[in-house]
Amino acid sequence: MVLDCPDAHALADFYRRLLGWEVTYSEPDWVLVRDPDGGTGLSFQSEPGYQAPVWPERPGEQQKMLHLDMRVDDLDEAEAYAVAAGARRADFQPQDDVRVLLDPSGHPLCLFLH
């Protein structure tokens, strides 16, 4: 999975801190981070014309292509950790048992209880 963004290195650094993953490959405009325990990684690609999606979605504005869901044990603790890493809480919160955050490039990511 590749997330487009204005700065691949900056967004990769955010997810590296958030997830505790490692950068395993890096080029000037593309970065791959992976869980040291294995599994699927996340890639980030710099795109000069990148436009952040709007949350919640509105007709005629940039739509999200995907969002990441992350299962957590404690919503408040996980939200504080993500915000400290560089995320911001979205104004619109559709459910009490989910927290919608926006990564530094504006991609929605949802924290939910398991």
PDB file of N, CA and C in Angstrom:
ATOM      1  N   MET A   1       0.850  -1.168   0.000  1.00  0.00           N
ATOM      2  CA  MET A   1       0.000   0.000   0.000  1.00  0.00           C
ATOM      3  C   MET A   1       0.896   1.231   0.000  1.00  0.00           C
ATOM      4  N   VAL A   2       0.579   2.170  -0.858  1.00  0.00           N
ATOM      5  CA  VAL A   2       1.352   3.403  -0.981  1.00  0.00           C
ATOM      6  C   VAL A   2       0.435   4.590  -0.695  1.00  0.00           C
ATOM      7  N   LEU A   3       0.850   5.459   0.200  1.00  0.00           N
ATOM      8  CA  LEU A   3       0.123   6.692   0.481  1.00  0.00           C
ATOM      9  C   LEU A   3       0.832   7.848  -0.214  1.00  0.00           C
ATOM     10  N   ASP A   4       0.113   8.547  -1.086  1.00  0.00           N
ATOM     11  CA  ASP A   4       0.652   9.755  -1.692  1.00  0.00           C
ATOM     12  C   ASP A   4       0.621  10.864  -0.650  1.00  0.00           C
ATOM     13  N   CYS A   5       1.560  11.787  -0.773  1.00  0.00           N
ATOM     14  CA  CYS A   5       1.674  12.866   0.210  1.00  0.00           C
ATOM     15  C   CYS A   5       2.615  13.930  -0.342  1.00  0.00           C
ATOM     16  N   PRO A   6       2.693  15.094   0.303  1.00  0.00           N
ATOM     17  CA  PRO A   6       3.609  16.120  -0.184  1.00  0.00           C
ATOM     18  C   PRO A   6       5.078  15.801   0.123  1.00  0.00           C
ATOM     19  N   ASP A   7       5.352  15.048   1.191  1.00  0.00           N
ATOM     20  CA  ASP A   7       6.728  14.750   1.597  1.00  0.00           C
ATOM     21  C   ASP A   7       6.791  13.323   2.142  1.00  0.00           C
ATOM     22  N   ALA A   8       7.281  12.395   1.319  1.00  0.00           N
ATOM     23  CA  ALA A   8       7.314  10.982   1.694  1.00  0.00           C
ATOM     24  C   ALA A   8       8.112  10.739   2.970  1.00  0.00           C
ATOM     25  N   HIS A   9       9.220  11.431   3.127  1.00  0.00           N
ATOM     26  CA  HIS A   9      10.073  11.207   4.304  1.00  0.00           C
ATOM     27  C   HIS A   9       9.401  11.692   5.584  1.00  0.00           C
ATOM     28  N   ALA A  10       8.721  12.819   5.524  1.00  0.00           N
ATOM     29  CA  ALA A  10       8.042  13.339   6.714  1.00  0.00           C
ATOM     30  C   ALA A  10       6.895  12.420   7.123  1.00  0.00           C
ATOM     31  N   LEU A  11       6.096  11.959   6.160  1.00  0.00           N
ATOM     32  CA  LEU A  11       4.973  11.096   6.512  1.00  0.00           C
ATOM     33  C   LEU A  11       5.463   9.718   6.962  1.00  0.00           C
ATOM     34  N   ALA A  12       6.494   9.203   6.337  1.00  0.00           N
ATOM     35  CA  ALA A  12       7.071   7.924   6.781  1.00  0.00           C
ATOM     36  C   ALA A  12       7.582   8.042   8.213  1.00  0.00           C
ATOM     37  N   ASP A  13       8.178   9.169   8.546  1.00  0.00           N
ATOM     38  CA  ASP A  13       8.680   9.365   9.904  1.00  0.00           C
ATOM     39  C   ASP A  13       7.532   9.376  10.912  1.00  0.00           C
ATOM     40  N   PHE A  14       6.407  10.001  10.560  1.00  0.00           N
ATOM     41  CA  PHE A  14       5.240   9.986  11.436  1.00  0.00           C
ATOM     42  C   PHE A  14       4.783   8.554  11.695  1.00  0.00           C
ATOM     43  N   TYR A  15       4.582   7.757  10.641  1.00  0.00           N
ATOM     44  CA  TYR A  15       4.100   6.383  10.826  1.00  0.00           C
ATOM     45  C   TYR A  15       5.154   5.504  11.498  1.00  0.00           C
ATOM     46  N   ARG A  16       6.421   5.770  11.263  1.00  0.00           N
ATOM     47  CA  ARG A  16       7.490   5.041  11.949  1.00  0.00           C
ATOM     48  C   ARG A  16       7.367   5.253  13.454  1.00  0.00           C
ATOM     49  N   ARG A  17       7.174   6.501  13.862  1.00  0.00           N
ATOM     50  CA  ARG A  17       7.017   6.798  15.297  1.00  0.00           C
ATOM     51  C   ARG A  17       5.717   6.229  15.844  1.00  0.00           C
ATOM     52  N   LEU A  18       4.626   6.392  15.099  1.00  0.00           N
ATOM     53  CA  LEU A  18       3.321   5.941  15.554  1.00  0.00           C
ATOM     54  C   LEU A  18       3.282   4.427  15.751  1.00  0.00           C
ATOM     55  N   LEU A  19       3.816   3.687  14.795  1.00  0.00           N
ATOM     56  CA  LEU A  19       3.701   2.232  14.805  1.00  0.00           C
ATOM     57  C   LEU A  19       4.916   1.511  15.391  1.00  0.00           C
ATOM     58  N   GLY A  20       6.030   2.231  15.561  1.00  0.00           N
ATOM     59  CA  GLY A  20       7.247   1.579  16.030  1.00  0.00           C
ATOM     60  C   GLY A  20       7.905   0.731  14.953  1.00  0.00           C
ATOM     61  N   TRP A  21       7.627   1.060  13.700  1.00  0.00           N
ATOM     62  CA  TRP A  21       8.192   0.320  12.585  1.00  0.00           C
ATOM     63  C   TRP A  21       9.525   0.939  12.164  1.00  0.00           C
ATOM     64  N   GLU A  22      10.162   0.286  11.200  1.00  0.00           N
ATOM     65  CA  GLU A  22      11.480   0.736  10.727  1.00  0.00           C
ATOM     66  C   GLU A  22      11.421   1.105   9.252  1.00  0.00           C
ATOM     67  N   VAL A  23      12.220   2.096   8.876  1.00  0.00           N
ATOM     68  CA  VAL A  23      12.405   2.400   7.453  1.00  0.00           C
ATOM     69  C   VAL A  23      13.294   1.291   6.899  1.00  0.00           C
ATOM     70  N   THR A  24      12.789   0.601   5.868  1.00  0.00           N
ATOM     71  CA  THR A  24      13.563  -0.493   5.282  1.00  0.00           C
ATOM     72  C   THR A  24      14.067  -0.172   3.873  1.00  0.00           C
ATOM     73  N   TYR A  25      13.529   0.878   3.272  1.00  0.00           N
ATOM     74  CA  TYR A  25      14.004   1.294   1.952  1.00  0.00           C
ATOM     75  C   TYR A  25      13.644   2.757   1.775  1.00  0.00           C
ATOM     76  N   SER A  26      14.543   3.496   1.153  1.00  0.00           N
ATOM     77  CA  SER A  26      14.313   4.926   1.002  1.00  0.00           C
ATOM     78  C   SER A  26      14.938   5.433  -0.293  1.00  0.00           C
ATOM     79  N   GLU A  27      14.183   6.227  -1.015  1.00  0.00           N
ATOM     80  CA  GLU A  27      14.647   6.958  -2.194  1.00  0.00           C
ATOM     81  C   GLU A  27      14.269   8.417  -1.958  1.00  0.00           C
ATOM     82  N   PRO A  28      14.694   9.334  -2.814  1.00  0.00           N
ATOM     83  CA  PRO A  28      14.361  10.740  -2.578  1.00  0.00           C
ATOM     84  C   PRO A  28      12.866  11.028  -2.448  1.00  0.00           C
ATOM     85  N   ASP A  29      12.012  10.340  -3.205  1.00  0.00           N
ATOM     86  CA  ASP A  29      10.573  10.625  -3.172  1.00  0.00           C
ATOM     87  C   ASP A  29       9.727   9.418  -2.786  1.00  0.00           C
ATOM     88  N   TRP A  30      10.342   8.387  -2.174  1.00  0.00           N
ATOM     89  CA  TRP A  30       9.610   7.166  -1.834  1.00  0.00           C
ATOM     90  C   TRP A  30      10.273   6.492  -0.645  1.00  0.00           C
ATOM     91  N   VAL A  31       9.443   6.066   0.324  1.00  0.00           N
ATOM     92  CA  VAL A  31       9.963   5.432   1.539  1.00  0.00           C
ATOM     93  C   VAL A  31       9.069   4.242   1.896  1.00  0.00           C
ATOM     94  N   LEU A  32       9.684   3.160   2.339  1.00  0.00           N
ATOM     95  CA  LEU A  32       8.965   1.983   2.817  1.00  0.00           C
ATOM     96  C   LEU A  32       9.267   1.791   4.291  1.00  0.00           C
ATOM     97  N   VAL A  33       8.225   1.647   5.117  1.00  0.00           N
ATOM     98  CA  VAL A  33       8.389   1.283   6.524  1.00  0.00           C
ATOM     99  C   VAL A  33       7.716  -0.060   6.739  1.00  0.00           C
ATOM    100  N   ARG A  34       8.342  -0.877   7.608  1.00  0.00           N
ATOM    101  CA  ARG A  34       7.816  -2.225   7.867  1.00  0.00           C
ATOM    102  C   ARG A  34       7.912  -2.539   9.338  1.00  0.00           C
ATOM    103  N   ASP A  35       7.004  -3.386   9.764  1.00  0.00           N
ATOM    104  CA  ASP A  35       7.027  -3.924  11.113  1.00  0.00           C
ATOM    105  C   ASP A  35       8.259  -4.821  11.239  1.00  0.00           C
ATOM    106  N   PRO A  36       9.091  -4.618  12.253  1.00  0.00           N
ATOM    107  CA  PRO A  36      10.272  -5.477  12.397  1.00  0.00           C
ATOM    108  C   PRO A  36       9.905  -6.941  12.610  1.00  0.00           C
ATOM    109  N   ASP A  37       8.659  -7.225  13.020  1.00  0.00           N
ATOM    110  CA  ASP A  37       8.220  -8.605  13.211  1.00  0.00           C
ATOM    111  C   ASP A  37       7.663  -9.225  11.937  1.00  0.00           C
ATOM    112  N   GLY A  38       7.673  -8.462  10.836  1.00  0.00           N
ATOM    113  CA  GLY A  38       7.186  -8.981   9.559  1.00  0.00           C
ATOM    114  C   GLY A  38       5.803  -8.463   9.228  1.00  0.00           C
ATOM    115  N   GLY A  39       5.285  -8.907   8.098  1.00  0.00           N
ATOM    116  CA  GLY A  39       3.965  -8.491   7.650  1.00  0.00           C
ATOM    117  C   GLY A  39       4.046  -7.398   6.606  1.00  0.00           C
ATOM    118  N   THR A  40       2.885  -6.907   6.252  1.00  0.00           N
ATOM    119  CA  THR A  40       2.773  -5.884   5.226  1.00  0.00           C
ATOM    120  C   THR A  40       3.307  -4.552   5.731  1.00  0.00           C
ATOM    121  N   GLY A  41       3.993  -3.842   4.878  1.00  0.00           N
ATOM    122  CA  GLY A  41       4.503  -2.523   5.231  1.00  0.00           C
ATOM    123  C   GLY A  41       3.648  -1.424   4.633  1.00  0.00           C
ATOM    124  N   LEU A  42       4.065  -0.202   4.856  1.00  0.00           N
ATOM    125  CA  LEU A  42       3.439   0.974   4.265  1.00  0.00           C
ATOM    126  C   LEU A  42       4.501   1.735   3.489  1.00  0.00           C
ATOM    127  N   SER A  43       4.131   2.186   2.299  1.00  0.00           N
ATOM    128  CA  SER A  43       5.033   3.003   1.494  1.00  0.00           C
ATOM    129  C   SER A  43       4.447   4.400   1.359  1.00  0.00           C
ATOM    130  N   PHE A  44       5.326   5.356   1.123  1.00  0.00           N
ATOM    131  CA  PHE A  44       4.936   6.757   1.013  1.00  0.00           C
ATOM    132  C   PHE A  44       5.627   7.339  -0.210  1.00  0.00           C
ATOM    133  N   GLN A  45       4.869   8.052  -1.027  1.00  0.00           N
ATOM    134  CA  GLN A  45       5.403   8.629  -2.252  1.00  0.00           C
ATOM    135  C   GLN A  45       5.094  10.113  -2.300  1.00  0.00           C
ATOM    136  N   SER A  46       6.120  10.909  -2.514  1.00  0.00           N
ATOM    137  CA  SER A  46       5.931  12.354  -2.667  1.00  0.00           C
ATOM    138  C   SER A  46       5.256  12.641  -3.993  1.00  0.00           C
ATOM    139  N   GLU A  47       4.222  13.456  -3.942  1.00  0.00           N
ATOM    140  CA  GLU A  47       3.500  13.892  -5.139  1.00  0.00           C
ATOM    141  C   GLU A  47       3.384  15.405  -5.082  1.00  0.00           C
ATOM    142  N   PRO A  48       3.982  16.125  -6.047  1.00  0.00           N
ATOM    143  CA  PRO A  48       3.954  17.586  -6.002  1.00  0.00           C
ATOM    144  C   PRO A  48       2.544  18.182  -5.997  1.00  0.00           C
ATOM    145  N   GLY A  49       1.586  17.549  -6.657  1.00  0.00           N
ATOM    146  CA  GLY A  49       0.237  18.086  -6.730  1.00  0.00           C
ATOM    147  C   GLY A  49      -0.711  17.495  -5.700  1.00  0.00           C
ATOM    148  N   TYR A  50      -0.174  16.879  -4.658  1.00  0.00           N
ATOM    149  CA  TYR A  50      -1.010  16.216  -3.652  1.00  0.00           C
ATOM    150  C   TYR A  50      -2.016  17.186  -3.037  1.00  0.00           C
ATOM    151  N   GLN A  51      -3.260  16.725  -2.904  1.00  0.00           N
ATOM    152  CA  GLN A  51      -4.303  17.470  -2.200  1.00  0.00           C
ATOM    153  C   GLN A  51      -4.865  16.571  -1.115  1.00  0.00           C
ATOM    154  N   ALA A  52      -4.858  17.049   0.104  1.00  0.00           N
ATOM    155  CA  ALA A  52      -5.362  16.262   1.226  1.00  0.00           C
ATOM    156  C   ALA A  52      -6.860  16.018   1.070  1.00  0.00           C
ATOM    157  N   PRO A  53      -7.333  14.834   1.455  1.00  0.00           N
ATOM    158  CA  PRO A  53      -8.775  14.586   1.406  1.00  0.00           C
ATOM    159  C   PRO A  53      -9.508  15.392   2.461  1.00  0.00           C
ATOM    160  N   VAL A  54     -10.796  15.591   2.230  1.00  0.00           N
ATOM    161  CA  VAL A  54     -11.648  16.315   3.159  1.00  0.00           C
ATOM    162  C   VAL A  54     -12.382  15.288   4.017  1.00  0.00           C
ATOM    163  N   TRP A  55     -12.409  15.514   5.314  1.00  0.00           N
ATOM    164  CA  TRP A  55     -13.158  14.648   6.237  1.00  0.00           C
ATOM    165  C   TRP A  55     -14.078  15.500   7.085  1.00  0.00           C
ATOM    166  N   PRO A  56     -15.369  15.210   7.161  1.00  0.00           N
ATOM    167  CA  PRO A  56     -16.030  14.172   6.365  1.00  0.00           C
ATOM    168  C   PRO A  56     -16.092  14.576   4.897  1.00  0.00           C
ATOM    169  N   GLU A  57     -16.271  13.572   4.071  1.00  0.00           N
ATOM    170  CA  GLU A  57     -16.292  13.822   2.634  1.00  0.00           C
ATOM    171  C   GLU A  57     -17.456  14.728   2.250  1.00  0.00           C
ATOM    172  N   ARG A  58     -17.189  15.589   1.263  1.00  0.00           N
ATOM    173  CA  ARG A  58     -18.201  16.499   0.739  1.00  0.00           C
ATOM    174  C   ARG A  58     -18.138  16.464  -0.789  1.00  0.00           C
ATOM    175  N   PRO A  59     -19.291  16.488  -1.441  1.00  0.00           N
ATOM    176  CA  PRO A  59     -19.309  16.466  -2.905  1.00  0.00           C
ATOM    177  C   PRO A  59     -18.482  17.615  -3.483  1.00  0.00           C
ATOM    178  N   GLY A  60     -17.747  17.314  -4.531  1.00  0.00           N
ATOM    179  CA  GLY A  60     -16.971  18.328  -5.225  1.00  0.00           C
ATOM    180  C   GLY A  60     -15.624  18.629  -4.601  1.00  0.00           C
ATOM    181  N   GLU A  61     -15.291  17.982  -3.485  1.00  0.00           N
ATOM    182  CA  GLU A  61     -13.988  18.200  -2.843  1.00  0.00           C
ATOM    183  C   GLU A  61     -13.180  16.911  -2.889  1.00  0.00           C
ATOM    184  N   GLN A  62     -11.897  17.022  -2.624  1.00  0.00           N
ATOM    185  CA  GLN A  62     -11.007  15.869  -2.689  1.00  0.00           C
ATOM    186  C   GLN A  62     -11.502  14.751  -1.763  1.00  0.00           C
ATOM    187  N   GLN A  63     -11.756  13.582  -2.340  1.00  0.00           N
ATOM    188  CA  GLN A  63     -12.235  12.430  -1.580  1.00  0.00           C
ATOM    189  C   GLN A  63     -11.050  11.575  -1.119  1.00  0.00           C
ATOM    190  N   LYS A  64     -11.237  10.888  -0.004  1.00  0.00           N
ATOM    191  CA  LYS A  64     -10.210   9.953   0.432  1.00  0.00           C
ATOM    192  C   LYS A  64     -10.254   8.723  -0.462  1.00  0.00           C
ATOM    193  N   MET A  65      -9.129   8.119  -0.685  1.00  0.00           N
ATOM    194  CA  MET A  65      -9.068   6.883  -1.452  1.00  0.00           C
ATOM    195  C   MET A  65      -9.056   5.681  -0.518  1.00  0.00           C
ATOM    196  N   LEU A  66      -8.632   5.913   0.701  1.00  0.00           N
ATOM    197  CA  LEU A  66      -8.554   4.859   1.702  1.00  0.00           C
ATOM    198  C   LEU A  66      -8.402   5.513   3.058  1.00  0.00           C
ATOM    199  N   HIS A  67      -8.559   4.724   4.090  1.00  0.00           N
ATOM    200  CA  HIS A  67      -8.196   5.178   5.419  1.00  0.00           C
ATOM    201  C   HIS A  67      -7.683   3.977   6.184  1.00  0.00           C
ATOM    202  N   LEU A  68      -6.895   4.223   7.196  1.00  0.00           N
ATOM    203  CA  LEU A  68      -6.308   3.147   7.990  1.00  0.00           C
ATOM    204  C   LEU A  68      -7.089   2.991   9.282  1.00  0.00           C
ATOM    205  N   ASP A  69      -7.391   1.751   9.652  1.00  0.00           N
ATOM    206  CA  ASP A  69      -8.017   1.423  10.926  1.00  0.00           C
ATOM    207  C   ASP A  69      -6.964   0.780  11.817  1.00  0.00           C
ATOM    208  N   MET A  70      -6.899   1.224  13.059  1.00  0.00           N
ATOM    209  CA  MET A  70      -5.941   0.672  14.014  1.00  0.00           C
ATOM    210  C   MET A  70      -6.669   0.283  15.288  1.00  0.00           C
ATOM    211  N   ARG A  71      -6.578  -0.984  15.624  1.00  0.00           N
ATOM    212  CA  ARG A  71      -7.220  -1.499  16.831  1.00  0.00           C
ATOM    213  C   ARG A  71      -6.360  -1.154  18.039  1.00  0.00           C
ATOM    214  N   VAL A  72      -6.991  -0.615  19.085  1.00  0.00           N
ATOM    215  CA  VAL A  72      -6.268  -0.177  20.277  1.00  0.00           C
ATOM    216  C   VAL A  72      -6.995  -0.667  21.529  1.00  0.00           C
ATOM    217  N   ASP A  73      -6.288  -0.656  22.644  1.00  0.00           N
ATOM    218  CA  ASP A  73      -6.871  -1.061  23.922  1.00  0.00           C
ATOM    219  C   ASP A  73      -7.558   0.086  24.648  1.00  0.00           C
ATOM    220  N   ASP A  74      -7.073   1.308  24.437  1.00  0.00           N
ATOM    221  CA  ASP A  74      -7.586   2.471  25.157  1.00  0.00           C
ATOM    222  C   ASP A  74      -7.621   3.655  24.193  1.00  0.00           C
ATOM    223  N   LEU A  75      -8.810   4.165  23.897  1.00  0.00           N
ATOM    224  CA  LEU A  75      -8.943   5.249  22.915  1.00  0.00           C
ATOM    225  C   LEU A  75      -8.233   6.521  23.350  1.00  0.00           C
ATOM    226  N   ASP A  76      -8.419   6.929  24.595  1.00  0.00           N
ATOM    227  CA  ASP A  76      -7.804   8.171  25.062  1.00  0.00           C
ATOM    228  C   ASP A  76      -6.285   8.093  25.006  1.00  0.00           C
ATOM    229  N   GLU A  77      -5.735   6.986  25.474  1.00  0.00           N
ATOM    230  CA  GLU A  77      -4.282   6.804  25.477  1.00  0.00           C
ATOM    231  C   GLU A  77      -3.733   6.749  24.051  1.00  0.00           C
ATOM    232  N   ALA A  78      -4.398   5.998  23.184  1.00  0.00           N
ATOM    233  CA  ALA A  78      -3.945   5.878  21.795  1.00  0.00           C
ATOM    234  C   ALA A  78      -4.049   7.205  21.057  1.00  0.00           C
ATOM    235  N   GLU A  79      -5.112   7.955  21.326  1.00  0.00           N
ATOM    236  CA  GLU A  79      -5.249   9.261  20.688  1.00  0.00           C
ATOM    237  C   GLU A  79      -4.136  10.205  21.144  1.00  0.00           C
ATOM    238  N   ALA A  80      -3.859  10.236  22.435  1.00  0.00           N
ATOM    239  CA  ALA A  80      -2.794  11.101  22.957  1.00  0.00           C
ATOM    240  C   ALA A  80      -1.453  10.725  22.346  1.00  0.00           C
ATOM    241  N   TYR A  81      -1.191   9.440  22.210  1.00  0.00           N
ATOM    242  CA  TYR A  81       0.061   8.968  21.617  1.00  0.00           C
ATOM    243  C   TYR A  81       0.162   9.402  20.157  1.00  0.00           C
ATOM    244  N   ALA A  82      -0.937   9.232  19.404  1.00  0.00           N
ATOM    245  CA  ALA A  82      -0.937   9.603  17.989  1.00  0.00           C
ATOM    246  C   ALA A  82      -0.775  11.107  17.808  1.00  0.00           C
ATOM    247  N   VAL A  83      -1.427  11.882  18.646  1.00  0.00           N
ATOM    248  CA  VAL A  83      -1.302  13.345  18.573  1.00  0.00           C
ATOM    249  C   VAL A  83       0.126  13.765  18.899  1.00  0.00           C
ATOM    250  N   ALA A  84       0.731  13.136  19.888  1.00  0.00           N
ATOM    251  CA  ALA A  84       2.134  13.447  20.231  1.00  0.00           C
ATOM    252  C   ALA A  84       3.065  13.098  19.073  1.00  0.00           C
ATOM    253  N   ALA A  85       2.701  12.089  18.276  1.00  0.00           N
ATOM    254  CA  ALA A  85       3.519  11.696  17.121  1.00  0.00           C
ATOM    255  C   ALA A  85       3.304  12.618  15.928  1.00  0.00           C
ATOM    256  N   GLY A  86       2.216  13.427  15.940  1.00  0.00           N
ATOM    257  CA  GLY A  86       1.989  14.377  14.857  1.00  0.00           C
ATOM    258  C   GLY A  86       0.615  14.341  14.223  1.00  0.00           C
ATOM    259  N   ALA A  87      -0.273  13.453  14.690  1.00  0.00           N
ATOM    260  CA  ALA A  87      -1.640  13.416  14.160  1.00  0.00           C
ATOM    261  C   ALA A  87      -2.457  14.555  14.771  1.00  0.00           C
ATOM    262  N   ARG A  88      -3.630  14.793  14.207  1.00  0.00           N
ATOM    263  CA  ARG A  88      -4.557  15.741  14.814  1.00  0.00           C
ATOM    264  C   ARG A  88      -5.952  15.127  14.791  1.00  0.00           C
ATOM    265  N   ARG A  89      -6.726  15.435  15.805  1.00  0.00           N
ATOM    266  CA  ARG A  89      -8.083  14.899  15.900  1.00  0.00           C
ATOM    267  C   ARG A  89      -8.975  15.595  14.870  1.00  0.00           C
ATOM    268  N   ALA A  90      -9.750  14.807  14.144  1.00  0.00           N
ATOM    269  CA  ALA A  90     -10.704  15.359  13.185  1.00  0.00           C
ATOM    270  C   ALA A  90     -11.847  16.023  13.939  1.00  0.00           C
ATOM    271  N   ASP A  91     -12.379  17.089  13.384  1.00  0.00           N
ATOM    272  CA  ASP A  91     -13.508  17.777  14.006  1.00  0.00           C
ATOM    273  C   ASP A  91     -14.738  16.878  14.070  1.00  0.00           C
ATOM    274  N   PHE A  92     -14.962  16.105  13.019  1.00  0.00           N
ATOM    275  CA  PHE A  92     -16.141  15.240  12.947  1.00  0.00           C
ATOM    276  C   PHE A  92     -15.799  13.862  13.487  1.00  0.00           C
ATOM    277  N   GLN A  93     -16.531  13.429  14.510  1.00  0.00           N
ATOM    278  CA  GLN A  93     -16.368  12.110  15.127  1.00  0.00           C
ATOM    279  C   GLN A  93     -17.696  11.366  15.016  1.00  0.00           C
ATOM    280  N   PRO A  94     -17.817  10.387  14.095  1.00  0.00           N
ATOM    281  CA  PRO A  94     -19.108   9.762  13.827  1.00  0.00           C
ATOM    282  C   PRO A  94     -19.571   8.730  14.850  1.00  0.00           C
ATOM    283  N   GLN A  95     -18.668   8.206  15.681  1.00  0.00           N
ATOM    284  CA  GLN A  95     -19.034   7.152  16.620  1.00  0.00           C
ATOM    285  C   GLN A  95     -18.316   7.367  17.953  1.00  0.00           C
ATOM    286  N   ASP A  96     -18.949   6.925  19.042  1.00  0.00           N
ATOM    287  CA  ASP A  96     -18.334   7.062  20.361  1.00  0.00           C
ATOM    288  C   ASP A  96     -17.178   6.094  20.582  1.00  0.00           C
ATOM    289  N   ASP A  97     -17.196   4.932  19.903  1.00  0.00           N
ATOM    290  CA  ASP A  97     -16.168   3.920  20.134  1.00  0.00           C
ATOM    291  C   ASP A  97     -15.060   3.944  19.084  1.00  0.00           C
ATOM    292  N   VAL A  98     -14.994   5.025  18.299  1.00  0.00           N
ATOM    293  CA  VAL A  98     -13.958   5.210  17.281  1.00  0.00           C
ATOM    294  C   VAL A  98     -13.454   6.639  17.378  1.00  0.00           C
ATOM    295  N   ARG A  99     -12.159   6.838  17.209  1.00  0.00           N
ATOM    296  CA  ARG A  99     -11.586   8.182  17.122  1.00  0.00           C
ATOM    297  C   ARG A  99     -11.016   8.349  15.727  1.00  0.00           C
ATOM    298  N   VAL A 100     -11.461   9.368  15.045  1.00  0.00           N
ATOM    299  CA  VAL A 100     -10.928   9.677  13.726  1.00  0.00           C
ATOM    300  C   VAL A 100      -9.857  10.747  13.896  1.00  0.00           C
ATOM    301  N   LEU A 101      -8.662  10.425  13.433  1.00  0.00           N
ATOM    302  CA  LEU A 101      -7.535  11.348  13.443  1.00  0.00           C
ATOM    303  C   LEU A 101      -7.109  11.588  12.007  1.00  0.00           C
ATOM    304  N   LEU A 102      -6.346  12.632  11.794  1.00  0.00           N
ATOM    305  CA  LEU A 102      -5.776  12.924  10.483  1.00  0.00           C
ATOM    306  C   LEU A 102      -4.269  12.899  10.627  1.00  0.00           C
ATOM    307  N   ASP A 103      -3.595  12.171   9.734  1.00  0.00           N
ATOM    308  CA  ASP A 103      -2.138  12.148   9.785  1.00  0.00           C
ATOM    309  C   ASP A 103      -1.602  13.498   9.289  1.00  0.00           C
ATOM    310  N   PRO A 104      -0.303  13.739   9.352  1.00  0.00           N
ATOM    311  CA  PRO A 104       0.222  15.048   8.955  1.00  0.00           C
ATOM    312  C   PRO A 104      -0.085  15.464   7.514  1.00  0.00           C
ATOM    313  N   SER A 105      -0.415  14.495   6.642  1.00  0.00           N
ATOM    314  CA  SER A 105      -0.780  14.823   5.264  1.00  0.00           C
ATOM    315  C   SER A 105      -2.284  14.854   5.051  1.00  0.00           C
ATOM    316  N   GLY A 106      -3.060  14.654   6.118  1.00  0.00           N
ATOM    317  CA  GLY A 106      -4.509  14.751   6.040  1.00  0.00           C
ATOM    318  C   GLY A 106      -5.249  13.458   5.793  1.00  0.00           C
ATOM    319  N   HIS A 107      -4.540  12.319   5.695  1.00  0.00           N
ATOM    320  CA  HIS A 107      -5.224  11.038   5.528  1.00  0.00           C
ATOM    321  C   HIS A 107      -5.939  10.664   6.816  1.00  0.00           C
ATOM    322  N   PRO A 108      -7.216  10.283   6.738  1.00  0.00           N
ATOM    323  CA  PRO A 108      -7.914   9.840   7.954  1.00  0.00           C
ATOM    324  C   PRO A 108      -7.347   8.512   8.455  1.00  0.00           C
ATOM    325  N   LEU A 109      -7.280   8.386   9.754  1.00  0.00           N
ATOM    326  CA  LEU A 109      -6.952   7.108  10.373  1.00  0.00           C
ATOM    327  C   LEU A 109      -7.846   6.967  11.584  1.00  0.00           C
ATOM    328  N   CYS A 110      -8.391   5.757  11.733  1.00  0.00           N
ATOM    329  CA  CYS A 110      -9.376   5.508  12.789  1.00  0.00           C
ATOM    330  C   CYS A 110      -8.781   4.596  13.850  1.00  0.00           C
ATOM    331  N   LEU A 111      -8.936   5.014  15.087  1.00  0.00           N
ATOM    332  CA  LEU A 111      -8.571   4.180  16.222  1.00  0.00           C
ATOM    333  C   LEU A 111      -9.863   3.567  16.732  1.00  0.00           C
ATOM    334  N   PHE A 112      -9.873   2.257  16.945  1.00  0.00           N
ATOM    335  CA  PHE A 112     -11.090   1.617  17.446  1.00  0.00           C
ATOM    336  C   PHE A 112     -10.731   0.576  18.506  1.00  0.00           C
ATOM    337  N   LEU A 113     -11.662   0.358  19.408  1.00  0.00           N
ATOM    338  CA  LEU A 113     -11.454  -0.613  20.481  1.00  0.00           C
ATOM    339  C   LEU A 113     -11.642  -2.028  19.968  1.00  0.00           C
ATOM    340  N   HIS A 114     -10.838  -2.929  20.497  1.00  0.00           N
ATOM    341  CA  HIS A 114     -11.010  -4.342  20.089  1.00  0.00           C
ATOM    342  C   HIS A 114     -11.682  -5.131  21.169  1.00  0.00           C
TER     343      HIS A 114
END
